Structures are given as C-alpha cells and as structure tokens.
N, C-alpha and C. Protein backbone atom coordinates (compact mmCIF):
# COMPACT_ATOMS: atom_id res chain seq x y z
N UNK A 1 129.04 122.96 -1.38
CA UNK A 1 128.37 123.92 -0.63
C UNK A 1 128.72 125.21 -1.25
N UNK A 2 127.64 126.09 -1.39
CA UNK A 2 127.82 127.39 -1.83
C UNK A 2 127.34 128.40 -0.83
N UNK A 3 128.17 129.51 -0.92
CA UNK A 3 127.83 130.65 -0.02
C UNK A 3 127.68 131.92 -0.80
N UNK A 4 126.66 132.72 -0.54
CA UNK A 4 126.50 133.94 -1.25
C UNK A 4 126.27 134.94 -0.18
N UNK A 5 126.88 136.12 -0.43
CA UNK A 5 126.73 137.39 0.34
C UNK A 5 126.26 138.53 -0.57
N UNK A 6 125.47 139.43 0.11
CA UNK A 6 124.96 140.63 -0.50
C UNK A 6 125.10 141.75 0.46
N UNK A 7 125.52 142.78 0.01
CA UNK A 7 125.31 144.08 0.86
C UNK A 7 124.76 145.15 0.12
N UNK A 8 123.77 145.83 0.69
CA UNK A 8 122.86 146.75 0.23
C UNK A 8 123.08 148.08 0.84
N UNK A 9 123.77 149.18 -0.01
CA UNK A 9 123.96 150.45 0.44
C UNK A 9 122.63 151.22 0.33
N UNK A 10 122.02 151.67 1.40
CA UNK A 10 120.76 152.31 1.35
C UNK A 10 120.73 153.76 1.75
N UNK A 11 119.98 154.55 1.10
CA UNK A 11 119.69 155.93 1.39
C UNK A 11 118.28 156.00 1.91
N UNK A 12 118.10 156.38 3.11
CA UNK A 12 116.79 156.34 3.76
C UNK A 12 116.11 157.66 3.46
N UNK A 13 114.73 157.66 3.43
CA UNK A 13 113.97 158.80 3.12
C UNK A 13 113.96 159.72 4.18
N UNK A 14 112.89 160.40 4.56
CA UNK A 14 112.83 161.45 5.50
C UNK A 14 113.09 161.00 6.91
N UNK A 15 114.39 160.66 7.35
CA UNK A 15 114.79 160.16 8.62
C UNK A 15 115.55 161.13 9.33
N UNK A 16 115.08 161.51 10.58
CA UNK A 16 115.69 162.61 11.36
C UNK A 16 116.49 162.17 12.69
N UNK A 17 116.34 160.88 12.96
CA UNK A 17 117.06 160.39 14.13
C UNK A 17 117.31 158.93 14.00
N UNK A 18 118.29 158.42 14.87
CA UNK A 18 118.60 157.08 14.83
C UNK A 18 117.35 156.12 15.18
N UNK A 19 116.53 156.68 15.92
CA UNK A 19 115.33 155.84 16.35
C UNK A 19 114.47 155.72 15.08
N UNK A 20 114.26 156.78 14.31
CA UNK A 20 113.45 156.65 13.01
C UNK A 20 114.22 155.75 12.01
N UNK A 21 115.57 155.78 12.08
CA UNK A 21 116.27 154.89 11.18
C UNK A 21 115.97 153.44 11.46
N UNK A 22 116.03 153.15 12.83
CA UNK A 22 115.78 151.80 13.24
C UNK A 22 114.33 151.43 12.78
N UNK A 23 113.49 152.15 12.78
CA UNK A 23 112.06 151.82 12.42
C UNK A 23 112.08 151.62 11.03
N UNK A 24 112.85 152.06 10.24
CA UNK A 24 112.89 151.61 8.73
C UNK A 24 113.78 150.29 8.45
N UNK A 25 114.91 150.24 9.05
CA UNK A 25 115.84 149.23 8.78
C UNK A 25 115.39 147.93 9.43
N UNK A 26 114.98 148.00 10.56
CA UNK A 26 114.64 146.65 11.29
C UNK A 26 113.59 145.80 10.52
N UNK A 27 112.49 146.47 10.06
CA UNK A 27 111.55 145.75 9.28
C UNK A 27 112.19 145.00 7.93
N UNK A 28 112.88 145.69 7.41
CA UNK A 28 113.61 145.23 6.15
C UNK A 28 114.35 143.93 6.58
N UNK A 29 115.23 144.10 7.50
CA UNK A 29 116.06 142.96 7.98
C UNK A 29 115.19 141.74 8.48
N UNK A 30 114.10 142.10 9.19
CA UNK A 30 113.12 140.93 9.66
C UNK A 30 112.47 140.27 8.54
N UNK A 31 112.10 141.11 7.45
CA UNK A 31 111.43 140.47 6.41
C UNK A 31 112.29 139.56 5.54
N UNK A 32 113.51 140.03 5.34
CA UNK A 32 114.53 139.23 4.70
C UNK A 32 114.72 137.88 5.38
N UNK A 33 114.84 137.91 6.58
CA UNK A 33 115.07 136.70 7.46
C UNK A 33 113.90 135.83 7.48
N UNK A 34 112.67 136.35 7.53
CA UNK A 34 111.43 135.62 7.65
C UNK A 34 111.10 134.96 6.20
N UNK A 35 111.21 135.73 5.22
CA UNK A 35 110.80 135.27 3.86
C UNK A 35 111.83 134.24 3.23
N UNK A 36 113.10 134.55 3.46
CA UNK A 36 114.10 133.81 2.67
C UNK A 36 115.04 133.11 3.71
N UNK A 37 114.96 133.07 4.88
CA UNK A 37 115.74 132.18 5.76
C UNK A 37 117.26 132.46 5.65
N UNK A 38 117.62 133.79 5.44
CA UNK A 38 118.90 134.24 5.37
C UNK A 38 119.33 134.87 6.67
N UNK A 39 120.58 135.02 6.80
CA UNK A 39 121.19 135.79 7.96
C UNK A 39 121.40 137.20 7.48
N UNK A 40 120.74 138.12 8.22
CA UNK A 40 120.79 139.49 7.76
C UNK A 40 120.94 140.41 8.99
N UNK A 41 121.66 141.54 8.71
CA UNK A 41 121.81 142.46 9.81
C UNK A 41 122.24 143.88 9.20
N UNK A 42 122.00 144.99 9.97
CA UNK A 42 122.69 146.24 9.62
C UNK A 42 124.18 146.17 9.96
N UNK A 43 125.10 146.47 8.94
CA UNK A 43 126.42 146.26 9.19
C UNK A 43 127.38 147.47 9.05
N UNK A 44 126.75 148.59 8.70
CA UNK A 44 127.67 149.73 8.49
C UNK A 44 126.72 151.07 8.53
N UNK A 45 127.50 152.19 8.69
CA UNK A 45 126.77 153.46 8.92
C UNK A 45 125.85 153.50 9.97
N UNK A 46 126.17 152.85 11.14
CA UNK A 46 125.39 152.77 12.33
C UNK A 46 125.06 154.21 12.92
N UNK A 47 126.04 155.13 12.77
CA UNK A 47 125.83 156.36 13.42
C UNK A 47 125.40 157.44 12.35
N UNK A 48 124.92 157.09 11.20
CA UNK A 48 124.37 158.09 10.22
C UNK A 48 122.92 157.86 10.09
N UNK A 49 122.16 159.01 10.14
CA UNK A 49 120.60 158.91 10.14
C UNK A 49 119.97 158.35 8.88
N UNK A 50 120.69 158.92 7.75
CA UNK A 50 120.00 158.60 6.44
C UNK A 50 120.70 157.46 5.61
N UNK A 51 121.72 156.85 6.08
CA UNK A 51 122.44 155.86 5.48
C UNK A 51 122.41 154.57 6.28
N UNK A 52 122.40 153.48 5.53
CA UNK A 52 122.52 152.16 6.11
C UNK A 52 123.04 151.15 5.20
N UNK A 53 123.90 150.29 5.71
CA UNK A 53 124.32 149.07 4.83
C UNK A 53 123.65 147.81 5.43
N UNK A 54 122.94 147.08 4.73
CA UNK A 54 122.32 145.74 5.30
C UNK A 54 123.11 144.58 4.49
N UNK A 55 123.68 143.72 5.35
CA UNK A 55 124.41 142.64 4.72
C UNK A 55 123.63 141.40 5.00
N UNK A 56 123.71 140.40 4.11
CA UNK A 56 123.12 139.20 4.26
C UNK A 56 123.94 138.10 3.80
N UNK A 57 123.72 136.76 4.25
CA UNK A 57 124.46 135.71 3.79
C UNK A 57 123.48 134.50 3.56
N UNK A 58 123.81 133.63 2.69
CA UNK A 58 123.04 132.54 2.31
C UNK A 58 123.82 131.35 1.97
N UNK A 59 123.41 130.24 2.56
CA UNK A 59 124.22 128.93 2.31
C UNK A 59 123.28 127.91 1.52
N UNK A 60 123.80 127.33 0.55
CA UNK A 60 122.92 126.27 -0.14
C UNK A 60 123.82 125.22 -0.69
N UNK A 61 123.29 124.10 -1.01
CA UNK A 61 123.99 122.97 -1.62
C UNK A 61 123.82 123.09 -3.20
N UNK A 62 123.03 123.99 -3.64
CA UNK A 62 122.70 124.23 -5.07
C UNK A 62 123.02 125.57 -5.37
N UNK A 63 123.85 125.95 -6.58
CA UNK A 63 124.24 127.19 -6.93
C UNK A 63 122.97 127.88 -7.48
N UNK A 64 122.16 127.20 -8.30
CA UNK A 64 121.07 128.01 -8.92
C UNK A 64 120.00 128.32 -7.92
N UNK A 65 119.80 127.57 -6.75
CA UNK A 65 118.93 127.88 -5.77
C UNK A 65 119.62 129.18 -4.98
N UNK A 66 120.84 129.16 -4.69
CA UNK A 66 121.50 130.22 -4.12
C UNK A 66 121.32 131.65 -4.85
N UNK A 67 121.46 131.49 -6.19
CA UNK A 67 121.29 132.63 -7.08
C UNK A 67 119.93 133.22 -7.00
N UNK A 68 118.92 132.31 -7.06
CA UNK A 68 117.50 132.63 -7.00
C UNK A 68 117.24 133.31 -5.72
N UNK A 69 117.60 132.80 -4.58
CA UNK A 69 117.42 133.50 -3.17
C UNK A 69 118.02 134.84 -3.29
N UNK A 70 119.22 135.08 -3.61
CA UNK A 70 119.89 136.24 -3.70
C UNK A 70 119.24 137.29 -4.54
N UNK A 71 118.62 136.75 -5.77
CA UNK A 71 117.94 137.72 -6.65
C UNK A 71 116.57 138.22 -5.97
N UNK A 72 115.95 137.25 -5.27
CA UNK A 72 114.67 137.62 -4.61
C UNK A 72 114.98 138.75 -3.50
N UNK A 73 116.08 138.37 -2.80
CA UNK A 73 116.35 139.42 -1.67
C UNK A 73 116.64 140.76 -2.33
N UNK A 74 117.36 140.80 -3.32
CA UNK A 74 117.70 142.02 -3.97
C UNK A 74 116.31 142.91 -4.53
N UNK A 75 115.48 141.98 -5.06
CA UNK A 75 114.25 142.71 -5.54
C UNK A 75 113.41 143.13 -4.38
N UNK A 76 113.37 142.44 -3.28
CA UNK A 76 112.56 142.85 -2.17
C UNK A 76 113.21 144.22 -1.73
N UNK A 77 114.41 144.36 -1.55
CA UNK A 77 114.90 145.63 -0.88
C UNK A 77 114.86 146.68 -1.98
N UNK A 78 115.05 146.44 -3.28
CA UNK A 78 114.88 147.40 -4.40
C UNK A 78 113.42 148.05 -4.35
N UNK A 79 112.56 147.18 -3.97
CA UNK A 79 111.24 147.43 -4.15
C UNK A 79 110.53 148.20 -2.91
N UNK A 80 111.19 148.50 -1.93
CA UNK A 80 110.89 149.08 -0.73
C UNK A 80 110.88 150.63 -1.04
N UNK A 81 109.69 151.30 -0.87
CA UNK A 81 109.56 152.74 -1.24
C UNK A 81 110.09 153.65 -0.27
N UNK A 82 110.43 153.22 0.93
CA UNK A 82 111.01 154.17 2.03
C UNK A 82 112.56 154.24 2.00
N UNK A 83 113.14 153.46 1.07
CA UNK A 83 114.63 153.43 0.79
C UNK A 83 115.01 153.60 -0.59
N UNK A 84 116.12 154.10 -0.90
CA UNK A 84 116.71 154.19 -2.25
C UNK A 84 118.00 153.30 -2.21
N UNK A 85 117.97 152.25 -3.13
CA UNK A 85 119.01 151.28 -3.26
C UNK A 85 120.09 151.97 -4.01
N UNK A 86 121.28 152.33 -3.41
CA UNK A 86 122.43 153.06 -4.01
C UNK A 86 123.33 151.98 -4.80
N UNK A 87 123.58 150.90 -4.05
CA UNK A 87 124.43 150.00 -4.75
C UNK A 87 124.20 148.60 -3.99
N UNK A 88 124.63 147.56 -4.75
CA UNK A 88 124.48 146.27 -4.22
C UNK A 88 125.81 145.52 -4.54
N UNK A 89 126.36 144.93 -3.55
CA UNK A 89 127.66 144.21 -3.71
C UNK A 89 127.31 142.68 -3.45
N UNK A 90 127.49 141.86 -4.53
CA UNK A 90 127.24 140.51 -4.57
C UNK A 90 128.60 139.68 -4.58
N UNK A 91 128.70 138.62 -3.56
CA UNK A 91 129.83 137.71 -3.69
C UNK A 91 129.21 136.36 -3.69
N UNK A 92 129.93 135.45 -4.45
CA UNK A 92 129.51 134.05 -4.55
C UNK A 92 130.70 133.24 -4.36
N UNK A 93 130.61 132.28 -3.38
CA UNK A 93 131.76 131.40 -3.03
C UNK A 93 131.44 129.94 -3.27
N UNK A 94 131.98 129.22 -4.29
CA UNK A 94 131.54 127.89 -4.57
C UNK A 94 132.64 127.02 -4.07
N UNK A 95 132.56 125.77 -4.40
CA UNK A 95 133.44 124.66 -3.92
C UNK A 95 134.81 124.67 -4.53
N UNK A 96 135.10 125.51 -5.67
CA UNK A 96 136.35 125.81 -6.23
C UNK A 96 137.13 126.91 -5.47
N UNK A 97 136.54 127.56 -4.43
CA UNK A 97 137.36 128.67 -3.78
C UNK A 97 138.17 128.12 -2.88
C-alpha cells in the first residue's frame, strides 16, 4: 500500500471576504475529489482572505498510479487562473516506511 499527500499553498486573487474565499476554494476541492477520487480539504489559513492551504491524500496499491494521480492534481491546481500556486509539499509513504 502506498499513501501520498500533497499540500498546496495558494494566494487567491481579488478576494475581499471569507465568503468570496469559500467561493474560490470550494470548487477546487470539489473538482479534485470528483475527478481523482482523493480526499481533499482546506487545511490552513482559514481566517485569512487571500491565502489558503488545500491538502489532499491518495491511497493506492501501485506507486506509479499514485504518482500519476498526484501529478494530475498538481497540474489541475496550478492551472486554475483564479489562484497563484505559491508552493507544493509532496509526501510519499511506501511499504518500507
């Protein structure tokens, strides 16, 4: 079994309230969950208007599949025009851990 985690540190565009922030972050989280069957949520900077950290986890029996899904998730978030991807933290846990 292999487990991968990603956390995306995001800078949001012209967001002036937490309500506007939710309207940007929720669709990203929902699309990650729908397209790639990952567990995803906003996990940090909940009280800041223009910053968000979205975390996700993937479990797979195949390391190559896990890497492919994580790469696709990263491309999806990086390609969103309403956010700037500041950093990505990737962790990979295999059977040897």
